[in-house]
């Protein structure tokens, strides 16, 4: 924590290496051995390609372990098939998961991300069961 300093001629100055800075007299919580950091939420990348040239971007994200949602709704059928084939090989090569989310929308997940697919309600009381 730094303290703002007053310069009578120019106004307030921010603390820097040239000015004295107030130093807290307590130990920061992350310096104690009991501190456990909060895990960060996973990042998911969404890609809406219009052509096969987006394959490289998708591949780079999957290789570094980022889950990718691939929305092929704006692509021609031929290019969409090529990209699905590419993504299938990419996921197979990285030992990841490949799930269809909706028509022409797919999830490519790295192996360290668990994908849980629930097809139907287990007790038959789902939203669509209105009989």
N, C-alpha and C. Protein backbone atom coordinates (compact mmCIF):
# COMPACT_ATOMS: atom_id res chain seq x y z
N UNK A 1 0.84 -1.17 0.00
CA UNK A 1 0.00 0.00 0.00
C UNK A 1 0.88 1.23 0.00
N UNK A 2 0.55 2.14 -0.82
CA UNK A 2 1.33 3.35 -0.87
C UNK A 2 0.51 4.54 -0.40
N UNK A 3 1.19 5.55 0.07
CA UNK A 3 0.50 6.76 0.50
C UNK A 3 0.75 7.84 -0.53
N UNK A 4 -0.29 8.60 -0.84
CA UNK A 4 -0.14 9.69 -1.79
C UNK A 4 0.66 10.81 -1.14
N UNK A 5 1.50 11.45 -1.88
CA UNK A 5 2.35 12.51 -1.36
C UNK A 5 1.93 13.84 -1.96
N UNK A 6 2.16 14.90 -1.23
CA UNK A 6 1.75 16.23 -1.68
C UNK A 6 2.96 17.01 -2.13
N UNK A 7 2.89 17.53 -3.35
CA UNK A 7 3.89 18.43 -3.87
C UNK A 7 3.21 19.80 -3.95
N UNK A 8 3.72 20.78 -3.20
CA UNK A 8 3.03 22.07 -3.09
C UNK A 8 2.95 22.81 -4.42
N UNK A 9 3.82 22.51 -5.36
CA UNK A 9 3.83 23.26 -6.61
C UNK A 9 3.02 22.58 -7.73
N UNK A 10 2.96 21.27 -7.74
CA UNK A 10 2.33 20.56 -8.86
C UNK A 10 1.10 19.75 -8.47
N UNK A 11 0.75 19.61 -7.25
CA UNK A 11 -0.40 18.83 -6.84
C UNK A 11 0.04 17.49 -6.27
N UNK A 12 -0.84 16.47 -6.38
CA UNK A 12 -0.58 15.17 -5.80
C UNK A 12 0.34 14.35 -6.69
N UNK A 13 1.23 13.58 -6.08
CA UNK A 13 2.15 12.70 -6.79
C UNK A 13 1.87 11.26 -6.40
N UNK A 14 2.03 10.37 -7.32
CA UNK A 14 1.93 8.95 -7.02
C UNK A 14 3.26 8.47 -6.47
N UNK A 15 3.25 7.54 -5.54
CA UNK A 15 4.52 7.02 -5.00
C UNK A 15 5.33 6.32 -6.09
N UNK A 16 6.60 6.52 -6.08
CA UNK A 16 7.50 5.84 -7.00
C UNK A 16 8.79 5.54 -6.25
N UNK A 17 9.81 5.12 -6.96
CA UNK A 17 11.07 4.80 -6.32
C UNK A 17 11.76 6.01 -5.72
N UNK A 18 11.38 7.21 -6.12
CA UNK A 18 12.04 8.43 -5.65
C UNK A 18 11.39 9.04 -4.42
N UNK A 19 10.22 8.55 -4.02
CA UNK A 19 9.49 9.13 -2.91
C UNK A 19 9.30 8.08 -1.82
N UNK A 20 9.22 8.49 -0.57
CA UNK A 20 8.97 7.52 0.50
C UNK A 20 7.55 6.97 0.38
N UNK A 21 7.41 5.69 0.66
CA UNK A 21 6.13 5.02 0.55
C UNK A 21 5.81 4.37 1.88
N UNK A 22 4.56 4.48 2.31
CA UNK A 22 4.15 3.84 3.55
C UNK A 22 4.19 2.33 3.37
N UNK A 23 4.76 1.60 4.33
CA UNK A 23 4.87 0.15 4.27
C UNK A 23 3.96 -0.43 5.33
N UNK A 24 3.07 -1.36 4.96
CA UNK A 24 2.18 -1.93 5.97
C UNK A 24 2.98 -2.73 7.00
N UNK A 25 2.51 -2.72 8.26
CA UNK A 25 3.21 -3.44 9.32
C UNK A 25 2.59 -4.80 9.59
N UNK A 26 1.80 -5.31 8.67
CA UNK A 26 1.20 -6.63 8.82
C UNK A 26 1.65 -7.54 7.68
N UNK A 27 1.49 -8.81 7.89
CA UNK A 27 1.89 -9.79 6.88
C UNK A 27 0.75 -9.97 5.87
N UNK A 28 1.08 -9.96 4.59
CA UNK A 28 0.07 -10.17 3.56
C UNK A 28 -0.50 -11.58 3.69
N UNK A 29 -1.79 -11.77 3.47
CA UNK A 29 -2.38 -13.11 3.67
C UNK A 29 -1.79 -14.17 2.74
N UNK A 30 -1.34 -13.80 1.55
CA UNK A 30 -0.81 -14.80 0.63
C UNK A 30 0.61 -15.23 0.98
N UNK A 31 1.22 -14.54 1.97
CA UNK A 31 2.54 -14.95 2.44
C UNK A 31 2.47 -16.01 3.54
N UNK A 32 1.27 -16.21 4.09
CA UNK A 32 1.15 -17.18 5.18
C UNK A 32 1.03 -18.60 4.61
N UNK A 33 1.47 -19.61 5.37
CA UNK A 33 1.41 -20.99 4.87
C UNK A 33 -0.02 -21.52 4.78
N UNK A 34 -0.98 -20.91 5.50
CA UNK A 34 -2.37 -21.39 5.46
C UNK A 34 -3.12 -20.90 4.23
N UNK A 35 -2.56 -19.98 3.48
CA UNK A 35 -3.24 -19.38 2.34
C UNK A 35 -3.35 -20.38 1.19
N UNK A 36 -4.55 -20.56 0.69
CA UNK A 36 -4.76 -21.38 -0.51
C UNK A 36 -5.40 -20.50 -1.56
N UNK A 37 -4.80 -20.38 -2.72
CA UNK A 37 -5.35 -19.49 -3.74
C UNK A 37 -6.68 -20.01 -4.28
N UNK A 38 -7.54 -19.10 -4.67
CA UNK A 38 -8.82 -19.45 -5.26
C UNK A 38 -8.56 -19.87 -6.70
N UNK A 39 -9.05 -21.04 -7.11
CA UNK A 39 -8.82 -21.46 -8.50
C UNK A 39 -9.54 -20.53 -9.47
N UNK A 40 -8.88 -20.26 -10.58
CA UNK A 40 -9.48 -19.39 -11.59
C UNK A 40 -10.49 -20.18 -12.40
N UNK A 41 -11.52 -19.49 -12.85
CA UNK A 41 -12.53 -20.11 -13.69
C UNK A 41 -11.90 -20.45 -15.04
N UNK A 42 -12.25 -21.60 -15.60
CA UNK A 42 -11.66 -21.95 -16.89
C UNK A 42 -12.14 -21.02 -17.99
N UNK A 43 -11.26 -20.78 -18.92
CA UNK A 43 -11.58 -19.93 -20.06
C UNK A 43 -12.05 -20.82 -21.21
N UNK A 44 -13.10 -20.42 -21.88
CA UNK A 44 -13.61 -21.15 -23.04
C UNK A 44 -13.61 -20.19 -24.21
N UNK A 45 -13.09 -20.64 -25.34
CA UNK A 45 -13.05 -19.82 -26.54
C UNK A 45 -14.16 -20.24 -27.48
N UNK A 46 -14.87 -19.27 -28.03
CA UNK A 46 -15.91 -19.52 -29.02
C UNK A 46 -15.41 -19.04 -30.37
N UNK A 47 -15.49 -19.91 -31.38
CA UNK A 47 -15.05 -19.57 -32.72
C UNK A 47 -16.22 -19.76 -33.67
N UNK A 48 -16.50 -18.75 -34.48
CA UNK A 48 -17.54 -18.83 -35.51
C UNK A 48 -16.87 -18.65 -36.87
N UNK A 49 -16.25 -19.70 -37.37
CA UNK A 49 -15.52 -19.55 -38.63
C UNK A 49 -16.45 -19.38 -39.82
N UNK A 50 -15.93 -18.67 -40.83
CA UNK A 50 -16.65 -18.54 -42.09
C UNK A 50 -15.95 -19.31 -43.20
N UNK A 51 -14.76 -19.80 -42.91
CA UNK A 51 -13.99 -20.58 -43.87
C UNK A 51 -13.00 -21.48 -43.16
N UNK A 52 -12.34 -22.33 -43.93
CA UNK A 52 -11.42 -23.30 -43.35
C UNK A 52 -10.16 -22.65 -42.77
N UNK A 53 -9.90 -21.39 -43.10
CA UNK A 53 -8.70 -20.73 -42.60
C UNK A 53 -8.71 -20.56 -41.08
N UNK A 54 -9.85 -20.74 -40.43
CA UNK A 54 -9.94 -20.65 -38.97
C UNK A 54 -9.43 -21.91 -38.28
N UNK A 55 -9.09 -22.93 -39.04
CA UNK A 55 -8.62 -24.19 -38.44
C UNK A 55 -7.38 -23.96 -37.60
N UNK A 56 -6.50 -23.09 -38.01
CA UNK A 56 -5.27 -22.83 -37.26
C UNK A 56 -5.58 -22.23 -35.89
N UNK A 57 -6.50 -21.28 -35.84
CA UNK A 57 -6.87 -20.65 -34.57
C UNK A 57 -7.46 -21.69 -33.62
N UNK A 58 -8.33 -22.53 -34.15
CA UNK A 58 -8.94 -23.59 -33.33
C UNK A 58 -7.87 -24.54 -32.82
N UNK A 59 -6.97 -24.95 -33.69
CA UNK A 59 -5.90 -25.86 -33.30
C UNK A 59 -4.99 -25.30 -32.24
N UNK A 60 -4.66 -24.01 -32.35
CA UNK A 60 -3.77 -23.40 -31.36
C UNK A 60 -4.42 -23.35 -29.98
N UNK A 61 -5.70 -23.06 -29.93
CA UNK A 61 -6.39 -23.02 -28.64
C UNK A 61 -6.47 -24.42 -28.01
N UNK A 62 -6.79 -25.42 -28.81
CA UNK A 62 -6.90 -26.78 -28.28
C UNK A 62 -5.53 -27.28 -27.81
N UNK A 63 -4.48 -26.97 -28.56
CA UNK A 63 -3.14 -27.43 -28.18
C UNK A 63 -2.68 -26.89 -26.84
N UNK A 64 -3.07 -25.66 -26.49
CA UNK A 64 -2.64 -25.09 -25.20
C UNK A 64 -3.59 -25.46 -24.07
N UNK A 65 -4.67 -26.20 -24.38
CA UNK A 65 -5.55 -26.69 -23.33
C UNK A 65 -6.79 -25.86 -23.08
N UNK A 66 -7.16 -25.00 -24.03
CA UNK A 66 -8.36 -24.18 -23.88
C UNK A 66 -9.53 -24.88 -24.57
N UNK A 67 -10.65 -25.10 -23.87
CA UNK A 67 -11.83 -25.65 -24.55
C UNK A 67 -12.33 -24.67 -25.61
N UNK A 68 -12.80 -25.21 -26.72
CA UNK A 68 -13.27 -24.39 -27.84
C UNK A 68 -14.68 -24.80 -28.21
N UNK A 69 -15.56 -23.81 -28.32
CA UNK A 69 -16.89 -24.04 -28.88
C UNK A 69 -16.80 -23.59 -30.33
N UNK A 70 -17.06 -24.51 -31.23
CA UNK A 70 -16.93 -24.27 -32.67
C UNK A 70 -18.33 -24.21 -33.27
N UNK A 71 -18.74 -23.01 -33.70
CA UNK A 71 -20.06 -22.79 -34.29
C UNK A 71 -19.90 -22.70 -35.80
N UNK A 72 -20.37 -23.73 -36.50
CA UNK A 72 -20.19 -23.81 -37.95
C UNK A 72 -21.41 -23.34 -38.73
N UNK A 73 -22.32 -22.61 -38.09
CA UNK A 73 -23.57 -22.24 -38.73
C UNK A 73 -23.40 -21.26 -39.89
N UNK A 74 -22.28 -20.56 -39.96
CA UNK A 74 -22.06 -19.58 -41.03
C UNK A 74 -21.19 -20.14 -42.15
N UNK A 75 -20.91 -21.44 -42.14
CA UNK A 75 -20.02 -22.03 -43.15
C UNK A 75 -20.81 -22.81 -44.18
N UNK A 76 -20.20 -22.99 -45.34
CA UNK A 76 -20.79 -23.86 -46.35
C UNK A 76 -20.67 -25.31 -45.87
N UNK A 77 -21.49 -26.18 -46.42
CA UNK A 77 -21.47 -27.59 -46.00
C UNK A 77 -20.12 -28.24 -46.24
N UNK A 78 -19.49 -27.96 -47.37
CA UNK A 78 -18.20 -28.58 -47.70
C UNK A 78 -17.11 -28.16 -46.72
N UNK A 79 -17.03 -26.84 -46.45
CA UNK A 79 -16.01 -26.36 -45.51
C UNK A 79 -16.30 -26.83 -44.09
N UNK A 80 -17.59 -26.90 -43.73
CA UNK A 80 -17.94 -27.37 -42.39
C UNK A 80 -17.52 -28.83 -42.20
N UNK A 81 -17.71 -29.65 -43.22
CA UNK A 81 -17.29 -31.06 -43.13
C UNK A 81 -15.78 -31.15 -43.00
N UNK A 82 -15.05 -30.34 -43.75
CA UNK A 82 -13.59 -30.34 -43.64
C UNK A 82 -13.14 -29.94 -42.24
N UNK A 83 -13.79 -28.92 -41.68
CA UNK A 83 -13.40 -28.45 -40.36
C UNK A 83 -13.75 -29.46 -39.28
N UNK A 84 -14.87 -30.17 -39.43
CA UNK A 84 -15.21 -31.22 -38.46
C UNK A 84 -14.19 -32.35 -38.55
N UNK A 85 -13.78 -32.72 -39.75
CA UNK A 85 -12.74 -33.75 -39.90
C UNK A 85 -11.43 -33.30 -39.25
N UNK A 86 -11.06 -32.04 -39.49
CA UNK A 86 -9.83 -31.51 -38.89
C UNK A 86 -9.93 -31.53 -37.36
N UNK A 87 -11.06 -31.05 -36.83
CA UNK A 87 -11.24 -30.98 -35.37
C UNK A 87 -11.26 -32.38 -34.76
N UNK A 88 -11.84 -33.34 -35.46
CA UNK A 88 -11.85 -34.72 -34.96
C UNK A 88 -10.44 -35.26 -34.83
N UNK A 89 -9.62 -35.04 -35.84
CA UNK A 89 -8.23 -35.48 -35.78
C UNK A 89 -7.44 -34.75 -34.73
N UNK A 90 -7.70 -33.45 -34.59
CA UNK A 90 -7.02 -32.64 -33.58
C UNK A 90 -7.32 -33.15 -32.17
N UNK A 91 -8.58 -33.40 -31.90
CA UNK A 91 -9.00 -33.87 -30.58
C UNK A 91 -8.47 -35.29 -30.33
N UNK A 92 -8.49 -36.12 -31.35
CA UNK A 92 -7.95 -37.48 -31.21
C UNK A 92 -6.46 -37.42 -30.89
N UNK A 93 -5.74 -36.56 -31.60
CA UNK A 93 -4.29 -36.45 -31.39
C UNK A 93 -3.92 -35.91 -30.03
N UNK A 94 -4.76 -35.08 -29.44
CA UNK A 94 -4.47 -34.52 -28.12
C UNK A 94 -5.16 -35.29 -27.00
N UNK A 95 -5.86 -36.38 -27.35
CA UNK A 95 -6.59 -37.23 -26.40
C UNK A 95 -7.70 -36.47 -25.68
N UNK A 96 -8.31 -35.51 -26.38
CA UNK A 96 -9.36 -34.69 -25.79
C UNK A 96 -10.74 -35.26 -26.04
N UNK A 97 -11.75 -34.40 -25.90
CA UNK A 97 -13.15 -34.78 -26.08
C UNK A 97 -13.77 -33.94 -27.19
N UNK A 98 -14.67 -34.56 -27.94
CA UNK A 98 -15.35 -33.89 -29.05
C UNK A 98 -16.84 -34.17 -28.88
N UNK A 99 -17.63 -33.14 -28.58
CA UNK A 99 -19.06 -33.32 -28.33
C UNK A 99 -19.87 -32.38 -29.21
N UNK A 100 -20.95 -32.89 -29.74
CA UNK A 100 -21.88 -32.06 -30.49
C UNK A 100 -22.83 -31.42 -29.48
N UNK A 101 -22.92 -30.10 -29.50
CA UNK A 101 -23.79 -29.37 -28.57
C UNK A 101 -25.15 -29.12 -29.20
N UNK A 102 -25.14 -28.70 -30.44
CA UNK A 102 -26.37 -28.41 -31.19
C UNK A 102 -26.06 -28.64 -32.66
N UNK A 103 -27.03 -28.39 -33.51
CA UNK A 103 -26.81 -28.56 -34.93
C UNK A 103 -25.71 -27.59 -35.38
N UNK A 104 -24.63 -28.15 -35.87
CA UNK A 104 -23.46 -27.42 -36.38
C UNK A 104 -22.69 -26.66 -35.29
N UNK A 105 -22.85 -27.06 -34.03
CA UNK A 105 -22.09 -26.47 -32.92
C UNK A 105 -21.44 -27.60 -32.14
N UNK A 106 -20.11 -27.51 -31.94
CA UNK A 106 -19.34 -28.58 -31.32
C UNK A 106 -18.47 -28.02 -30.20
N UNK A 107 -18.19 -28.87 -29.21
CA UNK A 107 -17.28 -28.54 -28.13
C UNK A 107 -16.04 -29.40 -28.27
N UNK A 108 -14.88 -28.75 -28.35
CA UNK A 108 -13.59 -29.43 -28.39
C UNK A 108 -12.93 -29.17 -27.05
N UNK A 109 -12.71 -30.21 -26.27
CA UNK A 109 -12.16 -30.05 -24.93
C UNK A 109 -10.85 -30.81 -24.79
N UNK A 110 -9.88 -30.24 -24.10
CA UNK A 110 -8.62 -30.95 -23.85
C UNK A 110 -8.85 -32.08 -22.86
N UNK A 111 -7.90 -33.00 -22.73
CA UNK A 111 -8.10 -34.18 -21.87
C UNK A 111 -8.28 -33.84 -20.40
N UNK A 112 -7.75 -32.73 -19.93
CA UNK A 112 -7.88 -32.40 -18.51
C UNK A 112 -9.23 -31.78 -18.15
N UNK A 113 -10.07 -31.52 -19.16
CA UNK A 113 -11.41 -30.98 -18.92
C UNK A 113 -12.41 -32.12 -19.03
N UNK A 114 -13.18 -32.33 -17.96
CA UNK A 114 -14.19 -33.38 -17.96
C UNK A 114 -15.48 -32.84 -18.56
N UNK A 115 -16.01 -33.52 -19.55
CA UNK A 115 -17.26 -33.13 -20.19
C UNK A 115 -18.33 -34.10 -19.73
N UNK A 116 -19.34 -33.58 -19.08
CA UNK A 116 -20.45 -34.39 -18.60
C UNK A 116 -21.64 -34.17 -19.51
N UNK A 117 -22.12 -35.23 -20.15
CA UNK A 117 -23.24 -35.14 -21.08
C UNK A 117 -24.45 -35.79 -20.43
N UNK A 118 -25.51 -35.03 -20.31
CA UNK A 118 -26.76 -35.54 -19.75
C UNK A 118 -27.79 -35.47 -20.86
N UNK A 119 -28.20 -36.64 -21.37
CA UNK A 119 -29.14 -36.68 -22.48
C UNK A 119 -30.58 -36.51 -22.04
N UNK A 120 -30.96 -37.16 -20.96
CA UNK A 120 -32.34 -37.13 -20.51
C UNK A 120 -32.38 -36.95 -19.01
N UNK A 121 -33.51 -36.49 -18.54
CA UNK A 121 -33.70 -36.39 -17.10
C UNK A 121 -33.78 -37.79 -16.52
N UNK A 122 -33.09 -38.03 -15.42
CA UNK A 122 -33.04 -39.37 -14.85
C UNK A 122 -34.36 -39.82 -14.24
N UNK A 123 -35.20 -38.88 -13.79
CA UNK A 123 -36.45 -39.28 -13.16
C UNK A 123 -37.68 -39.03 -14.03
N UNK A 124 -37.49 -38.57 -15.25
CA UNK A 124 -38.61 -38.34 -16.15
C UNK A 124 -39.38 -37.07 -15.85
N UNK A 125 -38.86 -36.21 -14.99
CA UNK A 125 -39.59 -35.00 -14.64
C UNK A 125 -38.97 -33.78 -15.29
N UNK A 126 -38.38 -33.93 -16.45
CA UNK A 126 -37.73 -32.82 -17.12
C UNK A 126 -38.71 -31.76 -17.58
N UNK A 127 -38.19 -30.65 -18.02
CA UNK A 127 -39.00 -29.52 -18.45
C UNK A 127 -39.93 -29.89 -19.60
N UNK A 128 -39.43 -30.69 -20.52
CA UNK A 128 -40.22 -31.02 -21.70
C UNK A 128 -41.24 -32.13 -21.46
N UNK A 129 -41.20 -32.76 -20.31
CA UNK A 129 -42.16 -33.80 -19.99
C UNK A 129 -43.37 -33.15 -19.32
N UNK A 130 -44.24 -32.55 -20.11
CA UNK A 130 -45.37 -31.80 -19.58
C UNK A 130 -46.68 -32.56 -19.66
N UNK A 131 -46.64 -33.90 -19.80
CA UNK A 131 -47.87 -34.67 -19.93
C UNK A 131 -48.52 -34.96 -18.60
